[in-house]
Protein backbone atom coordinates (compact mmCIF):
# COMPACT_ATOMS: atom_id res chain seq x y z
CA UNK A 1 129.65 117.32 88.98
CA UNK A 2 128.51 114.24 87.66
CA UNK A 3 124.53 114.79 86.81
CA UNK A 4 122.07 112.54 88.20
CA UNK A 5 120.40 111.52 85.03
CA UNK A 6 122.76 112.24 82.60
CA UNK A 7 122.27 109.89 79.52
CA UNK A 8 118.54 109.63 80.45
CA UNK A 9 115.33 110.62 78.45
CA UNK A 10 112.14 111.29 80.29
CA UNK A 11 108.39 112.00 80.06
CA UNK A 12 106.97 114.01 82.55
CA UNK A 13 103.33 114.98 82.28
CA UNK A 14 101.11 117.53 84.28
CA UNK A 15 104.08 119.37 83.47
CA UNK A 16 102.49 122.50 82.99
CA UNK A 17 102.77 123.11 87.03
CA UNK A 18 103.76 122.76 90.13
CA UNK A 19 105.15 119.35 90.63
CA UNK A 20 105.69 118.51 86.75
CA UNK A 21 107.39 121.74 86.39
CA UNK A 22 109.71 121.77 89.14
CA UNK A 23 110.80 118.37 88.16
CA UNK A 24 110.87 119.46 84.78
CA UNK A 25 113.78 122.04 85.98
CA UNK A 26 115.01 119.26 88.33
CA UNK A 27 115.14 116.78 85.86
CA UNK A 28 116.82 119.15 82.73
CA UNK A 29 119.19 120.23 85.75
CA UNK A 30 120.24 116.52 86.21
CA UNK A 31 121.21 115.81 82.51
CA UNK A 32 117.95 114.28 81.45
CA UNK A 33 116.40 115.13 78.09
CA UNK A 34 112.80 115.57 78.55
CA UNK A 35 109.08 114.91 76.75
CA UNK A 36 106.82 117.10 78.41
CA UNK A 37 102.86 116.75 78.78
CA UNK A 38 100.64 118.98 79.69
CA UNK A 39 96.28 119.97 79.03
CA UNK A 40 97.23 123.66 79.57
CA UNK A 41 99.20 125.22 76.94
CA UNK A 42 101.58 126.20 80.17
CA UNK A 43 103.62 123.07 79.45
CA UNK A 44 104.80 125.65 76.08
CA UNK A 45 106.47 127.69 79.03
CA UNK A 46 108.03 124.47 80.67
CA UNK A 47 109.41 123.66 77.97
CA UNK A 48 111.17 127.22 76.91
CA UNK A 49 112.15 127.43 80.53
CA UNK A 50 114.15 124.00 80.67
CA UNK A 51 115.69 124.90 76.71
CA UNK A 52 116.71 128.55 78.08
CA UNK A 53 118.78 126.86 81.81
CA UNK A 54 120.39 124.59 78.33
CA UNK A 55 117.94 121.73 78.42
CA UNK A 56 116.63 119.76 75.98
CA UNK A 57 112.68 119.96 75.98
CA UNK A 58 109.61 119.09 73.41
CA UNK A 59 106.57 120.28 74.26
CA UNK A 60 102.75 118.27 73.79
CA UNK A 61 99.84 119.82 75.05
CA UNK A 62 98.10 116.05 75.97
CA UNK A 63 95.21 114.31 77.95
CA UNK A 64 97.15 111.70 80.27
CA UNK A 65 94.26 110.27 80.57
CA UNK A 66 93.70 109.85 76.70
CA UNK A 67 95.31 106.38 75.32
CA UNK A 68 95.85 107.40 72.34
CA UNK A 69 97.72 110.95 74.04
CA UNK A 70 99.96 108.65 76.03
CA UNK A 71 100.86 106.59 73.11
CA UNK A 72 101.48 110.36 71.68
CA UNK A 73 104.55 111.27 74.43
CA UNK A 74 106.02 107.79 74.47
CA UNK A 75 106.03 107.45 70.47
CA UNK A 76 107.90 110.83 70.63
CA UNK A 77 110.34 110.23 73.37
CA UNK A 78 111.35 107.06 71.07
CA UNK A 79 111.97 108.56 67.18
CA UNK A 80 113.26 112.52 68.64
CA UNK A 81 115.42 110.50 71.19
CA UNK A 82 115.55 107.25 70.15
CA UNK A 83 115.54 105.86 74.08
CA UNK A 84 112.74 105.82 77.05
CA UNK A 85 114.69 105.86 80.49
CA UNK A 86 111.78 107.23 83.13
CA UNK A 87 108.40 108.22 83.22
CA UNK A 88 107.06 110.67 85.58
CA UNK A 89 103.02 110.12 85.82
CA UNK A 90 102.49 113.24 87.25
CA UNK A 91 98.99 114.73 85.75
CA UNK A 92 95.95 114.55 88.05
CA UNK A 93 93.34 116.33 89.51
CA UNK A 94 91.88 117.02 92.75
CA UNK A 95 87.75 116.08 91.88
CA UNK A 96 87.42 118.85 94.82
CA UNK A 97 85.94 118.48 98.65
CA UNK A 98 82.30 117.57 97.96
CA UNK A 99 80.82 114.32 100.51
CA UNK A 100 80.13 111.18 99.75
CA UNK A 101 76.56 111.89 99.29
CA UNK A 102 77.01 115.46 97.56
CA UNK A 103 79.36 113.82 94.57
CA UNK A 104 77.90 112.21 91.55
CA UNK A 105 79.72 109.11 89.15
CA UNK A 106 80.83 111.82 86.87
CA UNK A 107 83.02 113.04 88.93
CA UNK A 108 84.03 110.17 90.10
CA UNK A 109 83.92 108.46 86.34
CA UNK A 110 86.50 111.74 85.29
CA UNK A 111 88.87 111.90 88.56
CA UNK A 112 89.69 108.31 88.42
CA UNK A 113 90.46 108.59 84.33
CA UNK A 114 92.93 110.84 84.75
CA UNK A 115 94.49 109.95 88.57
CA UNK A 116 94.47 106.30 88.23
CA UNK A 117 93.33 105.59 84.15
CA UNK A 118 96.15 107.47 83.19
CA UNK A 119 99.70 106.20 85.34
CA UNK A 120 98.26 103.08 84.11
CA UNK A 121 98.78 103.67 80.20
CA UNK A 122 101.57 105.31 81.30
CA UNK A 123 102.86 101.94 83.17
CA UNK A 124 101.40 100.03 79.89
CA UNK A 125 103.24 102.08 77.03
CA UNK A 126 106.21 103.30 78.74
CA UNK A 127 106.39 100.37 80.31
CA UNK A 128 106.11 98.24 77.68
CA UNK A 129 108.45 100.73 75.24
CA UNK A 130 111.63 99.89 78.57
CA UNK A 131 110.99 95.93 78.31
CA UNK A 132 111.26 95.92 74.73
CA UNK A 133 114.70 98.64 74.47
CA UNK A 134 116.11 95.67 77.75
CA UNK A 135 117.64 98.65 79.02
CA UNK A 136 115.51 98.70 82.41
CA UNK A 137 114.09 102.00 83.65
CA UNK A 138 111.94 103.31 86.07
CA UNK A 139 108.34 104.72 86.59
CA UNK A 140 107.13 107.21 89.45
CA UNK A 141 103.10 107.81 90.13
CA UNK A 142 102.29 110.52 91.60
CA UNK A 143 99.67 109.60 94.37
CA UNK A 144 99.31 110.91 97.65
CA UNK A 145 99.22 110.79 101.67
CA UNK A 146 95.43 110.72 100.87
CA UNK A 147 95.69 107.72 99.31
CA UNK A 148 96.78 106.20 102.80
CA UNK A 149 94.81 108.02 104.97
CA UNK A 150 91.82 109.68 105.35
CA UNK A 151 91.60 113.74 105.52
CA UNK A 152 93.76 114.84 102.75
CA UNK A 153 91.29 115.17 99.86
CA UNK A 154 87.66 114.13 98.69
CA UNK A 155 86.71 110.45 98.49
CA UNK A 156 87.01 110.30 94.11
CA UNK A 157 90.67 111.96 94.87
CA UNK A 158 91.62 109.46 98.06
CA UNK A 159 90.24 106.68 96.52
CA UNK A 160 92.49 107.32 93.42
CA UNK A 161 95.35 107.91 94.70
CA UNK A 162 94.72 104.56 97.22
CA UNK A 163 94.48 102.78 93.29
CA UNK A 164 97.64 104.09 92.04
CA UNK A 165 99.42 102.95 95.45
CA UNK A 166 98.04 99.73 94.57
CA UNK A 167 98.85 99.67 91.01
CA UNK A 168 102.69 100.42 91.25
CA UNK A 169 102.38 97.37 93.85
CA UNK A 170 101.03 95.68 90.75
CA UNK A 171 103.08 96.82 87.97
CA UNK A 172 106.34 96.19 90.37
CA UNK A 173 105.48 93.00 90.44
CA UNK A 174 104.63 91.95 86.74
CA UNK A 175 107.90 93.68 86.11
CA UNK A 176 110.50 92.88 88.55
CA UNK A 177 111.93 90.41 86.07
CA UNK A 178 112.32 92.79 83.54
CA UNK A 179 114.54 95.80 85.18
CA UNK A 180 111.75 98.21 85.18
CA UNK A 181 110.81 99.85 88.38
CA UNK A 182 107.57 100.96 89.57
CA UNK A 183 106.78 103.85 92.39
CA UNK A 184 104.53 106.05 93.76
CA UNK A 185 105.15 109.72 94.89
CA UNK A 186 103.03 110.58 97.95
CA UNK A 187 103.15 114.50 98.66
CA UNK A 188 101.59 115.70 101.79
CA UNK A 189 99.68 119.25 100.84
CA UNK A 190 102.04 120.68 98.61
CA UNK A 191 101.39 124.43 97.50
CA UNK A 192 100.35 123.94 93.98
CA UNK A 193 97.97 125.19 91.28
CA UNK A 194 95.99 122.22 91.53
CA UNK A 195 95.54 123.12 96.13
CA UNK A 196 95.41 127.32 95.27
CA UNK A 197 91.86 126.97 95.96
CA UNK A 198 93.23 125.41 99.92
CA UNK A 199 96.29 128.18 100.09
CA UNK A 200 94.00 131.30 98.56
CA UNK A 201 90.78 130.41 101.19
CA UNK A 202 93.43 130.40 104.04
CA UNK A 203 95.06 133.51 103.15
CA UNK A 204 91.42 135.51 102.65
CA UNK A 205 90.51 133.99 106.32
CA UNK A 206 93.57 135.13 107.38
CA UNK A 207 94.80 131.64 108.54
CA UNK A 208 97.48 130.87 106.26
CA UNK A 209 99.66 130.35 109.15
CA UNK A 210 98.22 126.78 109.77
CA UNK A 211 98.24 125.11 106.83
CA UNK A 212 100.29 122.22 107.05
CA UNK A 213 99.96 122.66 110.49
CA UNK A 214 99.92 118.94 111.42
CA UNK A 215 103.02 118.23 109.90
CA UNK A 216 105.97 117.86 112.76
CA UNK A 217 107.87 120.29 109.81
CA UNK A 218 104.56 122.37 110.69
CA UNK A 219 104.28 123.77 107.05
CA UNK A 220 103.46 122.82 103.35
CA UNK A 221 105.49 121.14 101.44
CA UNK A 222 106.83 123.05 98.35
CA UNK A 223 107.33 121.95 94.55
CA UNK A 224 110.50 121.80 94.50
CA UNK A 225 110.99 119.07 96.81
CA UNK A 226 109.04 116.51 95.07
CA UNK A 227 111.01 116.89 92.57
CA UNK A 228 113.89 115.77 94.73
CA UNK A 229 111.93 112.84 95.45
CA UNK A 230 111.74 112.26 91.43
CA UNK A 231 115.41 112.41 91.24
CA UNK A 232 115.88 110.45 94.33
CA UNK A 233 113.54 107.71 92.46
CA UNK A 234 114.69 107.29 89.35
CA UNK A 235 118.30 106.06 90.74
CA UNK A 236 118.57 102.13 91.34
CA UNK A 237 121.32 101.87 93.26
CA UNK A 238 120.22 104.31 95.87
CA UNK A 239 118.98 102.45 98.86
CA UNK A 240 120.58 99.10 98.02
CA UNK A 241 124.45 97.87 98.99
CA UNK A 242 124.81 95.08 95.87
CA UNK A 243 121.80 94.47 92.99
CA UNK A 244 119.19 92.51 93.95
CA UNK A 245 119.53 93.15 97.49
CA UNK A 246 115.81 94.55 97.48
CA UNK A 247 112.79 92.21 96.67
CA UNK A 248 109.56 93.53 97.97
CA UNK A 249 108.08 97.35 98.43
CA UNK A 250 108.44 99.44 101.52
CA UNK A 251 105.44 101.88 102.58
CA UNK A 252 107.96 104.31 104.14
CA UNK A 253 110.67 105.01 100.93
CA UNK A 254 111.76 104.52 97.40
CA UNK A 255 112.70 100.77 96.84
CA UNK A 256 115.43 100.44 93.76
CA UNK A 257 113.79 97.17 92.54
CA UNK A 258 110.27 97.31 92.98
CA UNK A 259 108.05 99.44 94.46
CA UNK A 260 107.31 102.13 97.21
CA UNK A 261 104.89 104.30 98.02
CA UNK A 262 107.09 107.26 99.28
CA UNK A 263 105.75 109.28 101.33
CA UNK A 264 106.82 113.14 101.57
CA UNK A 265 104.40 114.27 104.25
CA UNK A 266 106.91 116.36 106.50
CA UNK A 267 106.71 113.41 108.66
CA UNK A 268 102.80 113.26 109.17
CA UNK A 269 102.39 109.26 107.77
CA UNK A 270 103.59 107.37 110.34
CA UNK A 271 106.63 105.12 108.55
CA UNK A 272 105.97 101.74 108.66
CA UNK A 273 107.08 98.57 106.89
CA UNK A 274 104.80 96.41 104.35
CA UNK A 275 105.15 94.18 102.35
CA UNK A 276 108.20 91.52 101.95
CA UNK A 277 110.82 92.40 103.19
CA UNK A 278 114.13 92.55 101.14
CA UNK A 279 116.21 89.73 101.05
CA UNK A 280 119.68 90.79 102.40
CA UNK A 281 119.45 94.72 103.27
CA UNK A 282 116.97 97.26 104.80
CA UNK A 283 118.04 100.20 104.98
CA UNK A 284 115.05 101.49 106.64
CA UNK A 285 115.79 99.57 110.15
CA UNK A 286 119.58 99.84 109.93
CA UNK A 287 120.16 96.74 108.01
CA UNK A 288 117.75 94.87 110.35
CA UNK A 289 114.69 92.30 109.68
CA UNK A 290 111.52 93.80 110.71
CA UNK A 291 110.55 91.08 113.93
């Protein structure tokens, strides 16, 4: 069996639980060597699980919204493994569901620091390392359907995730000639440590069956499903028939050469193309150019 990430070195933040931990296990299973970051000591348990399965992982307790910590993740990857091919900026916080009247500047500042400045710091430092190496690479930032539509999160969280989507587009455009791709992954409601209060509340009220009911799949997502989306997104030739075929970003699926916000929400967000269309081939509509 061909390993999809054989020979790759990847950084994953938010690796202590949820999507980050699932991604770490799957990336390692597919052959990647890992540098894992999380603010909690649970990141060590993730690294141990990777190692127990025969993979290679280094755990670091870091704050993904602190520049020095992001630099240390990148430096560790380069010093320990000699290269950096993938960066998954996945760390995030929810900020709660306070209304626009009840939230505070301090709450907004903290949510934006972790959820938006954190991914930008990863793009800045991991992206620079990839560009300098001249090998290309892939950066994936975890956004959310809350950054696309209302009702999926509080105001600070939703605004931060909308910022991540736009960050991915702008960074992808600026790095377009370097071979470094930038994409945003947009989960719908997914059962993780961050969403645990939502799931616990539903269980306490006996309405657990209503979670994810607005999705066509009629259920919430699981971290492993998002991890598979991340693995798909780091591979440069998944969607194009020939290198250079894709020049824009899609708001429906991961683009191999520039940027996309890939919606892993069970079909809740209506697929629609946004931004420039690909030059030759558009797999989202059977190869036809949109009219």
